[in-house]
């Protein structure tokens, strides 16, 4: 989305955090999933609004959010990504996401301070014996946690079991990846 739309969504989050509506979940933070993605792995993101990692852009949004951005996603192979990671990791968790990164690029991102992987197996190269990619680099770094979408659609149950073996239960984060169309008829 354009920056003004993101700012509007952030303003809503800030308002809901302050109001704490009765019967609603407490808003703990915001995940900034985009716009620092590789266009080849953009998923449902609008390519018109993807951009190179930009710490100033992130800082403006986090300031508007009153520090509520808790996770910022980035493709570590993009120009400027490592510098972005080094700065942003001092503010929030930086997550590798929507990426074509090979093993060396992913490892460089983790060495720079990324500590999370968004939607393991999805929107990234697969784990292969000669090119372990993001999955291999993340699995061997004990400081890195990984999200799994365990809805039976995004990932085969065998891959879910394999992820728990690779990372151990203490480093796995289960997420729904649902949005407003969730539960609607086909």
Foldseek 3Di string as FASTA:
>chain_A
DPLVVLLVVLVVLLVCQVVVDPPDDHQQADEAEDLQADPVLQPPDDPVPRDHQDQVSVVVSCVSNVLRHAEYEHAQVGPPNLVNLLVCLVRHAYEYELYAFWLVSLLSSVVSRHAEYEAPPHNYDPQDPVIRGNLVSQLVDLSHAYEHQPPCPSDPPVVVVVSCVSRPPVRYDYDNPDDPCPPPDD
